[in-house]
Amino acid sequence: MKSLRKRSAITLAAAIVAGICVTNATLRRRSSRSGQARSCRRPRAEGRDPHSAETALLVMDFTVQTCSPQRRPRCAASVPKVQKLVAGARAKGALVIYSVAVPGSTAADILKELTPAAGELVLPPLGPDKFIASDLEKS
């Protein structure tokens, strides 16, 4: 019985060490990828206005439940910049689409500073992937 417990303990310890090694390797790989992403340059859209009628702006999860100084201060601090971005997109005729994250939330839960204009689409809470079952391609 003691031998079985000892083997189980050794097996468990080995599994934990293996898990730590795999996790560290994965984190190192992701870290090197994110470093590459920071150094990549976005290709220029020659002659294109980034706020044209071919562009959509997705305003995601700026709701009273998820974007407050208490819950997510960086989100709350970004609202004035997002307001300017939305105003610029609307002025250029870009499609502006909103999403809400919390189940049961509606367009009324979007922050007052970023209230959707008449006719702008608000996606319901669709889970972690806002695009599955959203019918965005029809917009």
Protein backbone atom coordinates (compact mmCIF):
# COMPACT_ATOMS: atom_id res chain seq x y z
CA MET A 1 0.00 0.00 0.00
CA LYS A 2 2.83 2.42 0.89
CA SER A 3 4.56 1.52 -2.36
CA LEU A 4 1.42 2.37 -4.34
CA ARG A 5 1.08 5.73 -2.59
CA LYS A 6 4.75 6.49 -3.19
CA ARG A 7 4.40 5.66 -6.90
CA SER A 8 1.25 7.78 -7.14
CA ALA A 9 3.00 10.71 -5.48
CA ILE A 10 5.99 10.40 -7.83
CA THR A 11 3.67 10.17 -10.85
CA LEU A 12 1.75 13.23 -9.72
CA ALA A 13 4.97 15.18 -9.14
CA ALA A 14 6.26 14.20 -12.57
CA ALA A 15 2.98 15.27 -14.18
CA ILE A 16 3.14 18.66 -12.44
CA VAL A 17 6.73 19.22 -13.57
CA ALA A 18 5.83 18.22 -17.14
CA GLY A 19 2.85 20.59 -17.08
CA ILE A 20 5.02 23.45 -15.88
CA CYS A 21 7.57 22.78 -18.63
CA VAL A 22 4.88 22.71 -21.34
CA THR A 23 3.26 25.87 -19.98
CA ASN A 24 6.58 27.74 -19.86
CA ALA A 25 7.44 26.68 -23.40
CA THR A 26 4.02 27.84 -24.63
CA LEU A 27 4.35 31.20 -22.86
CA ARG A 28 7.83 31.74 -24.30
CA ARG A 29 6.52 30.97 -27.79
CA ARG A 30 3.58 33.38 -27.38
CA SER A 31 5.87 36.05 -25.96
CA SER A 32 8.18 35.85 -28.97
CA ARG A 33 5.18 36.05 -31.32
CA SER A 34 3.78 39.14 -29.61
CA GLY A 35 7.22 40.75 -29.91
CA GLN A 36 7.14 40.02 -33.63
CA ALA A 37 3.65 41.46 -33.92
CA ARG A 38 4.79 44.73 -32.34
CA SER A 39 7.59 45.07 -34.88
CA CYS A 40 5.39 44.31 -37.92
CA ARG A 41 4.13 47.19 -39.96
CA ARG A 42 0.63 47.33 -41.31
CA PRO A 43 0.54 47.58 -45.11
CA ARG A 44 -0.59 50.94 -46.39
CA ALA A 45 -3.91 51.09 -48.15
CA GLU A 46 -2.78 53.15 -51.13
CA GLY A 47 -5.28 55.86 -51.94
CA ARG A 48 -7.92 54.55 -49.53
CA ASP A 49 -9.66 56.51 -46.83
CA PRO A 50 -9.79 54.37 -43.68
CA HIS A 51 -13.26 55.79 -42.97
CA SER A 52 -14.79 55.12 -46.36
CA ALA A 53 -18.05 53.35 -47.11
CA GLU A 54 -16.03 50.12 -47.47
CA THR A 55 -14.96 50.29 -43.82
CA ALA A 56 -16.73 49.07 -40.69
CA LEU A 57 -15.95 50.19 -37.16
CA LEU A 58 -16.76 47.65 -34.46
CA VAL A 59 -17.44 49.27 -31.07
CA MET A 60 -17.28 46.26 -28.80
CA ASP A 61 -18.60 45.95 -25.25
CA PHE A 62 -18.65 49.60 -24.18
CA THR A 63 -21.52 48.95 -21.76
CA VAL A 64 -22.34 50.18 -18.27
CA GLN A 65 -21.77 46.65 -16.98
CA THR A 66 -18.28 46.21 -18.44
CA CYS A 67 -16.70 49.65 -18.96
CA SER A 68 -16.55 51.69 -15.78
CA PRO A 69 -13.75 53.37 -13.82
CA GLN A 70 -14.29 50.86 -11.02
CA ARG A 71 -14.40 47.70 -13.11
CA ARG A 72 -12.13 48.52 -16.06
CA PRO A 73 -10.39 51.88 -15.69
CA ARG A 74 -8.49 51.63 -18.99
CA CYS A 75 -11.74 51.02 -20.84
CA ALA A 76 -13.39 54.03 -19.18
CA ALA A 77 -10.35 56.20 -19.95
CA SER A 78 -10.52 55.23 -23.65
CA VAL A 79 -14.12 56.42 -24.15
CA PRO A 80 -13.26 59.99 -25.34
CA LYS A 81 -10.90 58.56 -27.98
CA VAL A 82 -13.51 56.05 -29.11
CA GLN A 83 -16.09 58.88 -29.31
CA LYS A 84 -13.80 60.75 -31.74
CA LEU A 85 -13.24 57.59 -33.76
CA VAL A 86 -16.99 56.92 -34.00
CA ALA A 87 -17.70 60.55 -35.01
CA GLY A 88 -15.02 60.38 -37.70
CA ALA A 89 -16.30 57.06 -39.02
CA ARG A 90 -19.87 58.36 -39.20
CA ALA A 91 -18.75 61.55 -40.94
CA LYS A 92 -17.04 59.48 -43.65
CA GLY A 93 -19.98 57.12 -44.10
CA ALA A 94 -18.38 54.06 -42.50
CA LEU A 95 -20.59 51.34 -41.09
CA VAL A 96 -20.57 51.47 -37.26
CA ILE A 97 -21.55 48.28 -35.45
CA TYR A 98 -21.83 47.85 -31.69
CA SER A 99 -21.80 44.78 -29.48
CA VAL A 100 -22.90 44.10 -25.93
CA ALA A 101 -21.23 41.42 -23.81
CA VAL A 102 -23.39 40.65 -20.82
CA PRO A 103 -26.28 38.20 -21.34
CA GLY A 104 -29.56 40.08 -21.21
CA SER A 105 -27.98 43.43 -22.09
CA THR A 106 -29.38 45.60 -24.88
CA ALA A 107 -28.48 48.72 -26.84
CA ALA A 108 -29.74 50.77 -23.87
CA ASP A 109 -26.79 49.41 -21.84
CA ILE A 110 -24.19 50.99 -24.15
CA LEU A 111 -22.47 53.97 -22.55
CA LYS A 112 -24.36 57.22 -23.15
CA GLU A 113 -21.25 58.81 -24.68
CA LEU A 114 -21.24 56.09 -27.35
CA THR A 115 -24.97 55.66 -27.96
CA PRO A 116 -25.62 54.08 -31.37
CA ALA A 117 -27.22 56.35 -33.95
CA ALA A 118 -30.51 55.38 -35.53
CA GLY A 119 -29.99 52.42 -37.84
CA GLU A 120 -26.63 51.34 -36.43
CA LEU A 121 -26.49 47.61 -35.72
CA VAL A 122 -26.10 46.33 -32.14
CA LEU A 123 -25.03 42.71 -31.84
CA PRO A 124 -26.54 40.79 -28.93
CA PRO A 125 -24.32 38.89 -26.49
CA LEU A 126 -23.03 36.05 -28.66
CA GLY A 127 -20.41 34.63 -26.31
CA PRO A 128 -16.65 34.99 -26.59
CA ASP A 129 -16.72 35.11 -30.41
CA LYS A 130 -18.82 38.06 -31.51
CA PHE A 131 -18.83 36.93 -35.13
CA ILE A 132 -20.31 33.42 -34.89
CA ALA A 133 -24.03 33.53 -35.73
CA SER A 134 -23.93 37.33 -36.04
CA ASP A 135 -24.99 37.64 -39.71
CA LEU A 136 -22.45 40.48 -40.10
CA GLU A 137 -21.91 39.55 -43.73
CA LYS A 138 -25.50 40.69 -44.39
CA SER A 139 -24.83 44.19 -42.99
